[in-house]
Amino acid sequence: FRQAPGKEREFVAAVNWSGLTTYT
């Protein structure tokens, strides 16, 4: 996740336990 000054935290990317499923 990332958070810029003055902004809410936002999702960037994620991965499951095996590494085979990702979200961006």
PDBML (XML) file of the C-alpha atoms, coordinates in Angstrom:
<?xml version="1.0" encoding="UTF-8" ?>
<PDBx:datablock datablockName="MODEL"
   xmlns:PDBx="http://pdbml.pdb.org/schema/pdbx-v50.xsd"
   xmlns:xsi="http://www.w3.org/2001/XMLSchema-instance"
   xsi:schemaLocation="http://pdbml.pdb.org/schema/pdbx-v50.xsd pdbx-v50.xsd">
   <PDBx:atom_siteCategory>
      <PDBx:atom_site id="1">
         <PDBx:B_iso_or_equiv>0.00</PDBx:B_iso_or_equiv>
         <PDBx:Cartn_x>0.000</PDBx:Cartn_x>
         <PDBx:Cartn_y>0.000</PDBx:Cartn_y>
         <PDBx:Cartn_z>0.000</PDBx:Cartn_z>
         <PDBx:auth_asym_id>A</PDBx:auth_asym_id>
         <PDBx:auth_atom_id>CA</PDBx:auth_atom_id>
         <PDBx:auth_comp_id>PHE</PDBx:auth_comp_id>
         <PDBx:auth_seq_id>1</PDBx:auth_seq_id>
         <PDBx:group_PDB>ATOM</PDBx:group_PDB>
         <PDBx:label_alt_id xsi:nil="true" />
         <PDBx:label_asym_id>A</PDBx:label_asym_id>
         <PDBx:label_atom_id>CA</PDBx:label_atom_id>
         <PDBx:label_comp_id>PHE</PDBx:label_comp_id>
         <PDBx:label_entity_id>1</PDBx:label_entity_id>
         <PDBx:label_seq_id>1</PDBx:label_seq_id>
         <PDBx:occupancy>1.00</PDBx:occupancy>
         <PDBx:pdbx_PDB_model_num>1</PDBx:pdbx_PDB_model_num>
         <PDBx:type_symbol>C</PDBx:type_symbol>
      </PDBx:atom_site>
      <PDBx:atom_site id="2">
         <PDBx:B_iso_or_equiv>0.00</PDBx:B_iso_or_equiv>
         <PDBx:Cartn_x>1.108</PDBx:Cartn_x>
         <PDBx:Cartn_y>3.599</PDBx:Cartn_y>
         <PDBx:Cartn_z>-0.272</PDBx:Cartn_z>
         <PDBx:auth_asym_id>A</PDBx:auth_asym_id>
         <PDBx:auth_atom_id>CA</PDBx:auth_atom_id>
         <PDBx:auth_comp_id>ARG</PDBx:auth_comp_id>
         <PDBx:auth_seq_id>2</PDBx:auth_seq_id>
         <PDBx:group_PDB>ATOM</PDBx:group_PDB>
         <PDBx:label_alt_id xsi:nil="true" />
         <PDBx:label_asym_id>A</PDBx:label_asym_id>
         <PDBx:label_atom_id>CA</PDBx:label_atom_id>
         <PDBx:label_comp_id>ARG</PDBx:label_comp_id>
         <PDBx:label_entity_id>1</PDBx:label_entity_id>
         <PDBx:label_seq_id>2</PDBx:label_seq_id>
         <PDBx:occupancy>1.00</PDBx:occupancy>
         <PDBx:pdbx_PDB_model_num>1</PDBx:pdbx_PDB_model_num>
         <PDBx:type_symbol>C</PDBx:type_symbol>
      </PDBx:atom_site>
      <PDBx:atom_site id="3">
         <PDBx:B_iso_or_equiv>0.00</PDBx:B_iso_or_equiv>
         <PDBx:Cartn_x>0.219</PDBx:Cartn_x>
         <PDBx:Cartn_y>6.877</PDBx:Cartn_y>
         <PDBx:Cartn_z>1.329</PDBx:Cartn_z>
         <PDBx:auth_asym_id>A</PDBx:auth_asym_id>
         <PDBx:auth_atom_id>CA</PDBx:auth_atom_id>
         <PDBx:auth_comp_id>GLN</PDBx:auth_comp_id>
         <PDBx:auth_seq_id>3</PDBx:auth_seq_id>
         <PDBx:group_PDB>ATOM</PDBx:group_PDB>
         <PDBx:label_alt_id xsi:nil="true" />
         <PDBx:label_asym_id>A</PDBx:label_asym_id>
         <PDBx:label_atom_id>CA</PDBx:label_atom_id>
         <PDBx:label_comp_id>GLN</PDBx:label_comp_id>
         <PDBx:label_entity_id>1</PDBx:label_entity_id>
         <PDBx:label_seq_id>3</PDBx:label_seq_id>
         <PDBx:occupancy>1.00</PDBx:occupancy>
         <PDBx:pdbx_PDB_model_num>1</PDBx:pdbx_PDB_model_num>
         <PDBx:type_symbol>C</PDBx:type_symbol>
      </PDBx:atom_site>
      <PDBx:atom_site id="4">
         <PDBx:B_iso_or_equiv>0.00</PDBx:B_iso_or_equiv>
         <PDBx:Cartn_x>1.052</PDBx:Cartn_x>
         <PDBx:Cartn_y>10.278</PDBx:Cartn_y>
         <PDBx:Cartn_z>-0.079</PDBx:Cartn_z>
         <PDBx:auth_asym_id>A</PDBx:auth_asym_id>
         <PDBx:auth_atom_id>CA</PDBx:auth_atom_id>
         <PDBx:auth_comp_id>ALA</PDBx:auth_comp_id>
         <PDBx:auth_seq_id>4</PDBx:auth_seq_id>
         <PDBx:group_PDB>ATOM</PDBx:group_PDB>
         <PDBx:label_alt_id xsi:nil="true" />
         <PDBx:label_asym_id>A</PDBx:label_asym_id>
         <PDBx:label_atom_id>CA</PDBx:label_atom_id>
         <PDBx:label_comp_id>ALA</PDBx:label_comp_id>
         <PDBx:label_entity_id>1</PDBx:label_entity_id>
         <PDBx:label_seq_id>4</PDBx:label_seq_id>
         <PDBx:occupancy>1.00</PDBx:occupancy>
         <PDBx:pdbx_PDB_model_num>1</PDBx:pdbx_PDB_model_num>
         <PDBx:type_symbol>C</PDBx:type_symbol>
      </PDBx:atom_site>
      <PDBx:atom_site id="5">
         <PDBx:B_iso_or_equiv>0.00</PDBx:B_iso_or_equiv>
         <PDBx:Cartn_x>0.989</PDBx:Cartn_x>
         <PDBx:Cartn_y>13.429</PDBx:Cartn_y>
         <PDBx:Cartn_z>2.081</PDBx:Cartn_z>
         <PDBx:auth_asym_id>A</PDBx:auth_asym_id>
         <PDBx:auth_atom_id>CA</PDBx:auth_atom_id>
         <PDBx:auth_comp_id>PRO</PDBx:auth_comp_id>
         <PDBx:auth_seq_id>5</PDBx:auth_seq_id>
         <PDBx:group_PDB>ATOM</PDBx:group_PDB>
         <PDBx:label_alt_id xsi:nil="true" />
         <PDBx:label_asym_id>A</PDBx:label_asym_id>
         <PDBx:label_atom_id>CA</PDBx:label_atom_id>
         <PDBx:label_comp_id>PRO</PDBx:label_comp_id>
         <PDBx:label_entity_id>1</PDBx:label_entity_id>
         <PDBx:label_seq_id>5</PDBx:label_seq_id>
         <PDBx:occupancy>1.00</PDBx:occupancy>
         <PDBx:pdbx_PDB_model_num>1</PDBx:pdbx_PDB_model_num>
         <PDBx:type_symbol>C</PDBx:type_symbol>
      </PDBx:atom_site>
      <PDBx:atom_site id="6">
         <PDBx:B_iso_or_equiv>0.00</PDBx:B_iso_or_equiv>
         <PDBx:Cartn_x>-2.556</PDBx:Cartn_x>
         <PDBx:Cartn_y>14.550</PDBx:Cartn_y>
         <PDBx:Cartn_z>2.718</PDBx:Cartn_z>
         <PDBx:auth_asym_id>A</PDBx:auth_asym_id>
         <PDBx:auth_atom_id>CA</PDBx:auth_atom_id>
         <PDBx:auth_comp_id>GLY</PDBx:auth_comp_id>
         <PDBx:auth_seq_id>6</PDBx:auth_seq_id>
         <PDBx:group_PDB>ATOM</PDBx:group_PDB>
         <PDBx:label_alt_id xsi:nil="true" />
         <PDBx:label_asym_id>A</PDBx:label_asym_id>
         <PDBx:label_atom_id>CA</PDBx:label_atom_id>
         <PDBx:label_comp_id>GLY</PDBx:label_comp_id>
         <PDBx:label_entity_id>1</PDBx:label_entity_id>
         <PDBx:label_seq_id>6</PDBx:label_seq_id>
         <PDBx:occupancy>1.00</PDBx:occupancy>
         <PDBx:pdbx_PDB_model_num>1</PDBx:pdbx_PDB_model_num>
         <PDBx:type_symbol>C</PDBx:type_symbol>
      </PDBx:atom_site>
      <PDBx:atom_site id="7">
         <PDBx:B_iso_or_equiv>0.00</PDBx:B_iso_or_equiv>
         <PDBx:Cartn_x>-4.051</PDBx:Cartn_x>
         <PDBx:Cartn_y>11.495</PDBx:Cartn_y>
         <PDBx:Cartn_z>1.061</PDBx:Cartn_z>
         <PDBx:auth_asym_id>A</PDBx:auth_asym_id>
         <PDBx:auth_atom_id>CA</PDBx:auth_atom_id>
         <PDBx:auth_comp_id>LYS</PDBx:auth_comp_id>
         <PDBx:auth_seq_id>7</PDBx:auth_seq_id>
         <PDBx:group_PDB>ATOM</PDBx:group_PDB>
         <PDBx:label_alt_id xsi:nil="true" />
         <PDBx:label_asym_id>A</PDBx:label_asym_id>
         <PDBx:label_atom_id>CA</PDBx:label_atom_id>
         <PDBx:label_comp_id>LYS</PDBx:label_comp_id>
         <PDBx:label_entity_id>1</PDBx:label_entity_id>
         <PDBx:label_seq_id>7</PDBx:label_seq_id>
         <PDBx:occupancy>1.00</PDBx:occupancy>
         <PDBx:pdbx_PDB_model_num>1</PDBx:pdbx_PDB_model_num>
         <PDBx:type_symbol>C</PDBx:type_symbol>
      </PDBx:atom_site>
      <PDBx:atom_site id="8">
         <PDBx:B_iso_or_equiv>0.00</PDBx:B_iso_or_equiv>
         <PDBx:Cartn_x>-5.539</PDBx:Cartn_x>
         <PDBx:Cartn_y>8.253</PDBx:Cartn_y>
         <PDBx:Cartn_z>2.272</PDBx:Cartn_z>
         <PDBx:auth_asym_id>A</PDBx:auth_asym_id>
         <PDBx:auth_atom_id>CA</PDBx:auth_atom_id>
         <PDBx:auth_comp_id>GLU</PDBx:auth_comp_id>
         <PDBx:auth_seq_id>8</PDBx:auth_seq_id>
         <PDBx:group_PDB>ATOM</PDBx:group_PDB>
         <PDBx:label_alt_id xsi:nil="true" />
         <PDBx:label_asym_id>A</PDBx:label_asym_id>
         <PDBx:label_atom_id>CA</PDBx:label_atom_id>
         <PDBx:label_comp_id>GLU</PDBx:label_comp_id>
         <PDBx:label_entity_id>1</PDBx:label_entity_id>
         <PDBx:label_seq_id>8</PDBx:label_seq_id>
         <PDBx:occupancy>1.00</PDBx:occupancy>
         <PDBx:pdbx_PDB_model_num>1</PDBx:pdbx_PDB_model_num>
         <PDBx:type_symbol>C</PDBx:type_symbol>
      </PDBx:atom_site>
      <PDBx:atom_site id="9">
         <PDBx:B_iso_or_equiv>0.00</PDBx:B_iso_or_equiv>
         <PDBx:Cartn_x>-3.610</PDBx:Cartn_x>
         <PDBx:Cartn_y>5.020</PDBx:Cartn_y>
         <PDBx:Cartn_z>2.150</PDBx:Cartn_z>
         <PDBx:auth_asym_id>A</PDBx:auth_asym_id>
         <PDBx:auth_atom_id>CA</PDBx:auth_atom_id>
         <PDBx:auth_comp_id>ARG</PDBx:auth_comp_id>
         <PDBx:auth_seq_id>9</PDBx:auth_seq_id>
         <PDBx:group_PDB>ATOM</PDBx:group_PDB>
         <PDBx:label_alt_id xsi:nil="true" />
         <PDBx:label_asym_id>A</PDBx:label_asym_id>
         <PDBx:label_atom_id>CA</PDBx:label_atom_id>
         <PDBx:label_comp_id>ARG</PDBx:label_comp_id>
         <PDBx:label_entity_id>1</PDBx:label_entity_id>
         <PDBx:label_seq_id>9</PDBx:label_seq_id>
         <PDBx:occupancy>1.00</PDBx:occupancy>
         <PDBx:pdbx_PDB_model_num>1</PDBx:pdbx_PDB_model_num>
         <PDBx:type_symbol>C</PDBx:type_symbol>
      </PDBx:atom_site>
      <PDBx:atom_site id="10">
         <PDBx:B_iso_or_equiv>0.00</PDBx:B_iso_or_equiv>
         <PDBx:Cartn_x>-4.238</PDBx:Cartn_x>
         <PDBx:Cartn_y>3.254</PDBx:Cartn_y>
         <PDBx:Cartn_z>-1.145</PDBx:Cartn_z>
         <PDBx:auth_asym_id>A</PDBx:auth_asym_id>
         <PDBx:auth_atom_id>CA</PDBx:auth_atom_id>
         <PDBx:auth_comp_id>GLU</PDBx:auth_comp_id>
         <PDBx:auth_seq_id>10</PDBx:auth_seq_id>
         <PDBx:group_PDB>ATOM</PDBx:group_PDB>
         <PDBx:label_alt_id xsi:nil="true" />
         <PDBx:label_asym_id>A</PDBx:label_asym_id>
         <PDBx:label_atom_id>CA</PDBx:label_atom_id>
         <PDBx:label_comp_id>GLU</PDBx:label_comp_id>
         <PDBx:label_entity_id>1</PDBx:label_entity_id>
         <PDBx:label_seq_id>10</PDBx:label_seq_id>
         <PDBx:occupancy>1.00</PDBx:occupancy>
         <PDBx:pdbx_PDB_model_num>1</PDBx:pdbx_PDB_model_num>
         <PDBx:type_symbol>C</PDBx:type_symbol>
      </PDBx:atom_site>
      <PDBx:atom_site id="11">
         <PDBx:B_iso_or_equiv>0.00</PDBx:B_iso_or_equiv>
         <PDBx:Cartn_x>-3.795</PDBx:Cartn_x>
         <PDBx:Cartn_y>-0.268</PDBx:Cartn_y>
         <PDBx:Cartn_z>-2.427</PDBx:Cartn_z>
         <PDBx:auth_asym_id>A</PDBx:auth_asym_id>
         <PDBx:auth_atom_id>CA</PDBx:auth_atom_id>
         <PDBx:auth_comp_id>PHE</PDBx:auth_comp_id>
         <PDBx:auth_seq_id>11</PDBx:auth_seq_id>
         <PDBx:group_PDB>ATOM</PDBx:group_PDB>
         <PDBx:label_alt_id xsi:nil="true" />
         <PDBx:label_asym_id>A</PDBx:label_asym_id>
         <PDBx:label_atom_id>CA</PDBx:label_atom_id>
         <PDBx:label_comp_id>PHE</PDBx:label_comp_id>
         <PDBx:label_entity_id>1</PDBx:label_entity_id>
         <PDBx:label_seq_id>11</PDBx:label_seq_id>
         <PDBx:occupancy>1.00</PDBx:occupancy>
         <PDBx:pdbx_PDB_model_num>1</PDBx:pdbx_PDB_model_num>
         <PDBx:type_symbol>C</PDBx:type_symbol>
      </PDBx:atom_site>
      <PDBx:atom_site id="12">
         <PDBx:B_iso_or_equiv>0.00</PDBx:B_iso_or_equiv>
         <PDBx:Cartn_x>-0.932</PDBx:Cartn_x>
         <PDBx:Cartn_y>-0.880</PDBx:Cartn_y>
         <PDBx:Cartn_z>-4.836</PDBx:Cartn_z>
         <PDBx:auth_asym_id>A</PDBx:auth_asym_id>
         <PDBx:auth_atom_id>CA</PDBx:auth_atom_id>
         <PDBx:auth_comp_id>VAL</PDBx:auth_comp_id>
         <PDBx:auth_seq_id>12</PDBx:auth_seq_id>
         <PDBx:group_PDB>ATOM</PDBx:group_PDB>
         <PDBx:label_alt_id xsi:nil="true" />
         <PDBx:label_asym_id>A</PDBx:label_asym_id>
         <PDBx:label_atom_id>CA</PDBx:label_atom_id>
         <PDBx:label_comp_id>VAL</PDBx:label_comp_id>
         <PDBx:label_entity_id>1</PDBx:label_entity_id>
         <PDBx:label_seq_id>12</PDBx:label_seq_id>
         <PDBx:occupancy>1.00</PDBx:occupancy>
         <PDBx:pdbx_PDB_model_num>1</PDBx:pdbx_PDB_model_num>
         <PDBx:type_symbol>C</PDBx:type_symbol>
      </PDBx:atom_site>
      <PDBx:atom_site id="13">
         <PDBx:B_iso_or_equiv>0.00</PDBx:B_iso_or_equiv>
         <PDBx:Cartn_x>-0.499</PDBx:Cartn_x>
         <PDBx:Cartn_y>-4.626</PDBx:Cartn_y>
         <PDBx:Cartn_z>-5.297</PDBx:Cartn_z>
         <PDBx:auth_asym_id>A</PDBx:auth_asym_id>
         <PDBx:auth_atom_id>CA</PDBx:auth_atom_id>
         <PDBx:auth_comp_id>ALA</PDBx:auth_comp_id>
         <PDBx:auth_seq_id>13</PDBx:auth_seq_id>
         <PDBx:group_PDB>ATOM</PDBx:group_PDB>
         <PDBx:label_alt_id xsi:nil="true" />
         <PDBx:label_asym_id>A</PDBx:label_asym_id>
         <PDBx:label_atom_id>CA</PDBx:label_atom_id>
         <PDBx:label_comp_id>ALA</PDBx:label_comp_id>
         <PDBx:label_entity_id>1</PDBx:label_entity_id>
         <PDBx:label_seq_id>13</PDBx:label_seq_id>
         <PDBx:occupancy>1.00</PDBx:occupancy>
         <PDBx:pdbx_PDB_model_num>1</PDBx:pdbx_PDB_model_num>
         <PDBx:type_symbol>C</PDBx:type_symbol>
      </PDBx:atom_site>
      <PDBx:atom_site id="14">
         <PDBx:B_iso_or_equiv>0.00</PDBx:B_iso_or_equiv>
         <PDBx:Cartn_x>-0.872</PDBx:Cartn_x>
         <PDBx:Cartn_y>-7.950</PDBx:Cartn_y>
         <PDBx:Cartn_z>-3.498</PDBx:Cartn_z>
         <PDBx:auth_asym_id>A</PDBx:auth_asym_id>
         <PDBx:auth_atom_id>CA</PDBx:auth_atom_id>
         <PDBx:auth_comp_id>ALA</PDBx:auth_comp_id>
         <PDBx:auth_seq_id>14</PDBx:auth_seq_id>
         <PDBx:group_PDB>ATOM</PDBx:group_PDB>
         <PDBx:label_alt_id xsi:nil="true" />
         <PDBx:label_asym_id>A</PDBx:label_asym_id>
         <PDBx:label_atom_id>CA</PDBx:label_atom_id>
         <PDBx:label_comp_id>ALA</PDBx:label_comp_id>
         <PDBx:label_entity_id>1</PDBx:label_entity_id>
         <PDBx:label_seq_id>14</PDBx:label_seq_id>
         <PDBx:occupancy>1.00</PDBx:occupancy>
         <PDBx:pdbx_PDB_model_num>1</PDBx:pdbx_PDB_model_num>
         <PDBx:type_symbol>C</PDBx:type_symbol>
      </PDBx:atom_site>
      <PDBx:atom_site id="15">
         <PDBx:B_iso_or_equiv>0.00</PDBx:B_iso_or_equiv>
         <PDBx:Cartn_x>0.104</PDBx:Cartn_x>
         <PDBx:Cartn_y>-11.576</PDBx:Cartn_y>
         <PDBx:Cartn_z>-3.874</PDBx:Cartn_z>
         <PDBx:auth_asym_id>A</PDBx:auth_asym_id>
         <PDBx:auth_atom_id>CA</PDBx:auth_atom_id>
         <PDBx:auth_comp_id>VAL</PDBx:auth_comp_id>
         <PDBx:auth_seq_id>15</PDBx:auth_seq_id>
         <PDBx:group_PDB>ATOM</PDBx:group_PDB>
         <PDBx:label_alt_id xsi:nil="true" />
         <PDBx:label_asym_id>A</PDBx:label_asym_id>
         <PDBx:label_atom_id>CA</PDBx:label_atom_id>
         <PDBx:label_comp_id>VAL</PDBx:label_comp_id>
         <PDBx:label_entity_id>1</PDBx:label_entity_id>
         <PDBx:label_seq_id>15</PDBx:label_seq_id>
         <PDBx:occupancy>1.00</PDBx:occupancy>
         <PDBx:pdbx_PDB_model_num>1</PDBx:pdbx_PDB_model_num>
         <PDBx:type_symbol>C</PDBx:type_symbol>
      </PDBx:atom_site>
      <PDBx:atom_site id="16">
         <PDBx:B_iso_or_equiv>0.00</PDBx:B_iso_or_equiv>
         <PDBx:Cartn_x>-1.197</PDBx:Cartn_x>
         <PDBx:Cartn_y>-14.860</PDBx:Cartn_y>
         <PDBx:Cartn_z>-2.515</PDBx:Cartn_z>
         <PDBx:auth_asym_id>A</PDBx:auth_asym_id>
         <PDBx:auth_atom_id>CA</PDBx:auth_atom_id>
         <PDBx:auth_comp_id>ASN</PDBx:auth_comp_id>
         <PDBx:auth_seq_id>16</PDBx:auth_seq_id>
         <PDBx:group_PDB>ATOM</PDBx:group_PDB>
         <PDBx:label_alt_id xsi:nil="true" />
         <PDBx:label_asym_id>A</PDBx:label_asym_id>
         <PDBx:label_atom_id>CA</PDBx:label_atom_id>
         <PDBx:label_comp_id>ASN</PDBx:label_comp_id>
         <PDBx:label_entity_id>1</PDBx:label_entity_id>
         <PDBx:label_seq_id>16</PDBx:label_seq_id>
         <PDBx:occupancy>1.00</PDBx:occupancy>
         <PDBx:pdbx_PDB_model_num>1</PDBx:pdbx_PDB_model_num>
         <PDBx:type_symbol>C</PDBx:type_symbol>
      </PDBx:atom_site>
      <PDBx:atom_site id="17">
         <PDBx:B_iso_or_equiv>0.00</PDBx:B_iso_or_equiv>
         <PDBx:Cartn_x>0.846</PDBx:Cartn_x>
         <PDBx:Cartn_y>-17.376</PDBx:Cartn_y>
         <PDBx:Cartn_z>-0.542</PDBx:Cartn_z>
         <PDBx:auth_asym_id>A</PDBx:auth_asym_id>
         <PDBx:auth_atom_id>CA</PDBx:auth_atom_id>
         <PDBx:auth_comp_id>TRP</PDBx:auth_comp_id>
         <PDBx:auth_seq_id>17</PDBx:auth_seq_id>
         <PDBx:group_PDB>ATOM</PDBx:group_PDB>
         <PDBx:label_alt_id xsi:nil="true" />
         <PDBx:label_asym_id>A</PDBx:label_asym_id>
         <PDBx:label_atom_id>CA</PDBx:label_atom_id>
         <PDBx:label_comp_id>TRP</PDBx:label_comp_id>
         <PDBx:label_entity_id>1</PDBx:label_entity_id>
         <PDBx:label_seq_id>17</PDBx:label_seq_id>
         <PDBx:occupancy>1.00</PDBx:occupancy>
         <PDBx:pdbx_PDB_model_num>1</PDBx:pdbx_PDB_model_num>
         <PDBx:type_symbol>C</PDBx:type_symbol>
      </PDBx:atom_site>
      <PDBx:atom_site id="18">
         <PDBx:B_iso_or_equiv>0.00</PDBx:B_iso_or_equiv>
         <PDBx:Cartn_x>2.109</PDBx:Cartn_x>
         <PDBx:Cartn_y>-19.234</PDBx:Cartn_y>
         <PDBx:Cartn_z>-3.620</PDBx:Cartn_z>
         <PDBx:auth_asym_id>A</PDBx:auth_asym_id>
         <PDBx:auth_atom_id>CA</PDBx:auth_atom_id>
         <PDBx:auth_comp_id>SER</PDBx:auth_comp_id>
         <PDBx:auth_seq_id>18</PDBx:auth_seq_id>
         <PDBx:group_PDB>ATOM</PDBx:group_PDB>
         <PDBx:label_alt_id xsi:nil="true" />
         <PDBx:label_asym_id>A</PDBx:label_asym_id>
         <PDBx:label_atom_id>CA</PDBx:label_atom_id>
         <PDBx:label_comp_id>SER</PDBx:label_comp_id>
         <PDBx:label_entity_id>1</PDBx:label_entity_id>
         <PDBx:label_seq_id>18</PDBx:label_seq_id>
         <PDBx:occupancy>1.00</PDBx:occupancy>
         <PDBx:pdbx_PDB_model_num>1</PDBx:pdbx_PDB_model_num>
         <PDBx:type_symbol>C</PDBx:type_symbol>
      </PDBx:atom_site>
      <PDBx:atom_site id="19">
         <PDBx:B_iso_or_equiv>0.00</PDBx:B_iso_or_equiv>
         <PDBx:Cartn_x>2.957</PDBx:Cartn_x>
         <PDBx:Cartn_y>-16.166</PDBx:Cartn_y>
         <PDBx:Cartn_z>-5.654</PDBx:Cartn_z>
         <PDBx:auth_asym_id>A</PDBx:auth_asym_id>
         <PDBx:auth_atom_id>CA</PDBx:auth_atom_id>
         <PDBx:auth_comp_id>GLY</PDBx:auth_comp_id>
         <PDBx:auth_seq_id>19</PDBx:auth_seq_id>
         <PDBx:group_PDB>ATOM</PDBx:group_PDB>
         <PDBx:label_alt_id xsi:nil="true" />
         <PDBx:label_asym_id>A</PDBx:label_asym_id>
         <PDBx:label_atom_id>CA</PDBx:label_atom_id>
         <PDBx:label_comp_id>GLY</PDBx:label_comp_id>
         <PDBx:label_entity_id>1</PDBx:label_entity_id>
         <PDBx:label_seq_id>19</PDBx:label_seq_id>
         <PDBx:occupancy>1.00</PDBx:occupancy>
         <PDBx:pdbx_PDB_model_num>1</PDBx:pdbx_PDB_model_num>
         <PDBx:type_symbol>C</PDBx:type_symbol>
      </PDBx:atom_site>
      <PDBx:atom_site id="20">
         <PDBx:B_iso_or_equiv>0.00</PDBx:B_iso_or_equiv>
         <PDBx:Cartn_x>0.773</PDBx:Cartn_x>
         <PDBx:Cartn_y>-17.384</PDBx:Cartn_y>
         <PDBx:Cartn_z>-8.487</PDBx:Cartn_z>
         <PDBx:auth_asym_id>A</PDBx:auth_asym_id>
         <PDBx:auth_atom_id>CA</PDBx:auth_atom_id>
         <PDBx:auth_comp_id>LEU</PDBx:auth_comp_id>
         <PDBx:auth_seq_id>20</PDBx:auth_seq_id>
         <PDBx:group_PDB>ATOM</PDBx:group_PDB>
         <PDBx:label_alt_id xsi:nil="true" />
         <PDBx:label_asym_id>A</PDBx:label_asym_id>
         <PDBx:label_atom_id>CA</PDBx:label_atom_id>
         <PDBx:label_comp_id>LEU</PDBx:label_comp_id>
         <PDBx:label_entity_id>1</PDBx:label_entity_id>
         <PDBx:label_seq_id>20</PDBx:label_seq_id>
         <PDBx:occupancy>1.00</PDBx:occupancy>
         <PDBx:pdbx_PDB_model_num>1</PDBx:pdbx_PDB_model_num>
         <PDBx:type_symbol>C</PDBx:type_symbol>
      </PDBx:atom_site>
      <PDBx:atom_site id="21">
         <PDBx:B_iso_or_equiv>0.00</PDBx:B_iso_or_equiv>
         <PDBx:Cartn_x>-2.109</PDBx:Cartn_x>
         <PDBx:Cartn_y>-14.990</PDBx:Cartn_y>
         <PDBx:Cartn_z>-7.898</PDBx:Cartn_z>
         <PDBx:auth_asym_id>A</PDBx:auth_asym_id>
         <PDBx:auth_atom_id>CA</PDBx:auth_atom_id>
         <PDBx:auth_comp_id>THR</PDBx:auth_comp_id>
         <PDBx:auth_seq_id>21</PDBx:auth_seq_id>
         <PDBx:group_PDB>ATOM</PDBx:group_PDB>
         <PDBx:label_alt_id xsi:nil="true" />
         <PDBx:label_asym_id>A</PDBx:label_asym_id>
         <PDBx:label_atom_id>CA</PDBx:label_atom_id>
         <PDBx:label_comp_id>THR</PDBx:label_comp_id>
         <PDBx:label_entity_id>1</PDBx:label_entity_id>
         <PDBx:label_seq_id>21</PDBx:label_seq_id>
         <PDBx:occupancy>1.00</PDBx:occupancy>
         <PDBx:pdbx_PDB_model_num>1</PDBx:pdbx_PDB_model_num>
         <PDBx:type_symbol>C</PDBx:type_symbol>
      </PDBx:atom_site>
      <PDBx:atom_site id="22">
         <PDBx:B_iso_or_equiv>0.00</PDBx:B_iso_or_equiv>
         <PDBx:Cartn_x>-1.513</PDBx:Cartn_x>
         <PDBx:Cartn_y>-11.260</PDBx:Cartn_y>
         <PDBx:Cartn_z>-7.935</PDBx:Cartn_z>
         <PDBx:auth_asym_id>A</PDBx:auth_asym_id>
         <PDBx:auth_atom_id>CA</PDBx:auth_atom_id>
         <PDBx:auth_comp_id>THR</PDBx:auth_comp_id>
         <PDBx:auth_seq_id>22</PDBx:auth_seq_id>
         <PDBx:group_PDB>ATOM</PDBx:group_PDB>
         <PDBx:label_alt_id xsi:nil="true" />
         <PDBx:label_asym_id>A</PDBx:label_asym_id>
         <PDBx:label_atom_id>CA</PDBx:label_atom_id>
         <PDBx:label_comp_id>THR</PDBx:label_comp_id>
         <PDBx:label_entity_id>1</PDBx:label_entity_id>
         <PDBx:label_seq_id>22</PDBx:label_seq_id>
         <PDBx:occupancy>1.00</PDBx:occupancy>
         <PDBx:pdbx_PDB_model_num>1</PDBx:pdbx_PDB_model_num>
         <PDBx:type_symbol>C</PDBx:type_symbol>
      </PDBx:atom_site>
      <PDBx:atom_site id="23">
         <PDBx:B_iso_or_equiv>0.00</PDBx:B_iso_or_equiv>
         <PDBx:Cartn_x>-3.635</PDBx:Cartn_x>
         <PDBx:Cartn_y>-8.132</PDBx:Cartn_y>
         <PDBx:Cartn_z>-7.873</PDBx:Cartn_z>
         <PDBx:auth_asym_id>A</PDBx:auth_asym_id>
         <PDBx:auth_atom_id>CA</PDBx:auth_atom_id>
         <PDBx:auth_comp_id>TYR</PDBx:auth_comp_id>
         <PDBx:auth_seq_id>23</PDBx:auth_seq_id>
         <PDBx:group_PDB>ATOM</PDBx:group_PDB>
         <PDBx:label_alt_id xsi:nil="true" />
         <PDBx:label_asym_id>A</PDBx:label_asym_id>
         <PDBx:label_atom_id>CA</PDBx:label_atom_id>
         <PDBx:label_comp_id>TYR</PDBx:label_comp_id>
         <PDBx:label_entity_id>1</PDBx:label_entity_id>
         <PDBx:label_seq_id>23</PDBx:label_seq_id>
         <PDBx:occupancy>1.00</PDBx:occupancy>
         <PDBx:pdbx_PDB_model_num>1</PDBx:pdbx_PDB_model_num>
         <PDBx:type_symbol>C</PDBx:type_symbol>
      </PDBx:atom_site>
      <PDBx:atom_site id="24">
         <PDBx:B_iso_or_equiv>0.00</PDBx:B_iso_or_equiv>
         <PDBx:Cartn_x>-2.479</PDBx:Cartn_x>
         <PDBx:Cartn_y>-4.714</PDBx:Cartn_y>
         <PDBx:Cartn_z>-9.040</PDBx:Cartn_z>
         <PDBx:auth_asym_id>A</PDBx:auth_asym_id>
         <PDBx:auth_atom_id>CA</PDBx:auth_atom_id>
         <PDBx:auth_comp_id>THR</PDBx:auth_comp_id>
         <PDBx:auth_seq_id>24</PDBx:auth_seq_id>
         <PDBx:group_PDB>ATOM</PDBx:group_PDB>
         <PDBx:label_alt_id xsi:nil="true" />
         <PDBx:label_asym_id>A</PDBx:label_asym_id>
         <PDBx:label_atom_id>CA</PDBx:label_atom_id>
         <PDBx:label_comp_id>THR</PDBx:label_comp_id>
         <PDBx:label_entity_id>1</PDBx:label_entity_id>
         <PDBx:label_seq_id>24</PDBx:label_seq_id>
         <PDBx:occupancy>1.00</PDBx:occupancy>
         <PDBx:pdbx_PDB_model_num>1</PDBx:pdbx_PDB_model_num>
         <PDBx:type_symbol>C</PDBx:type_symbol>
      </PDBx:atom_site>
   </PDBx:atom_siteCategory>
</PDBx:datablock>
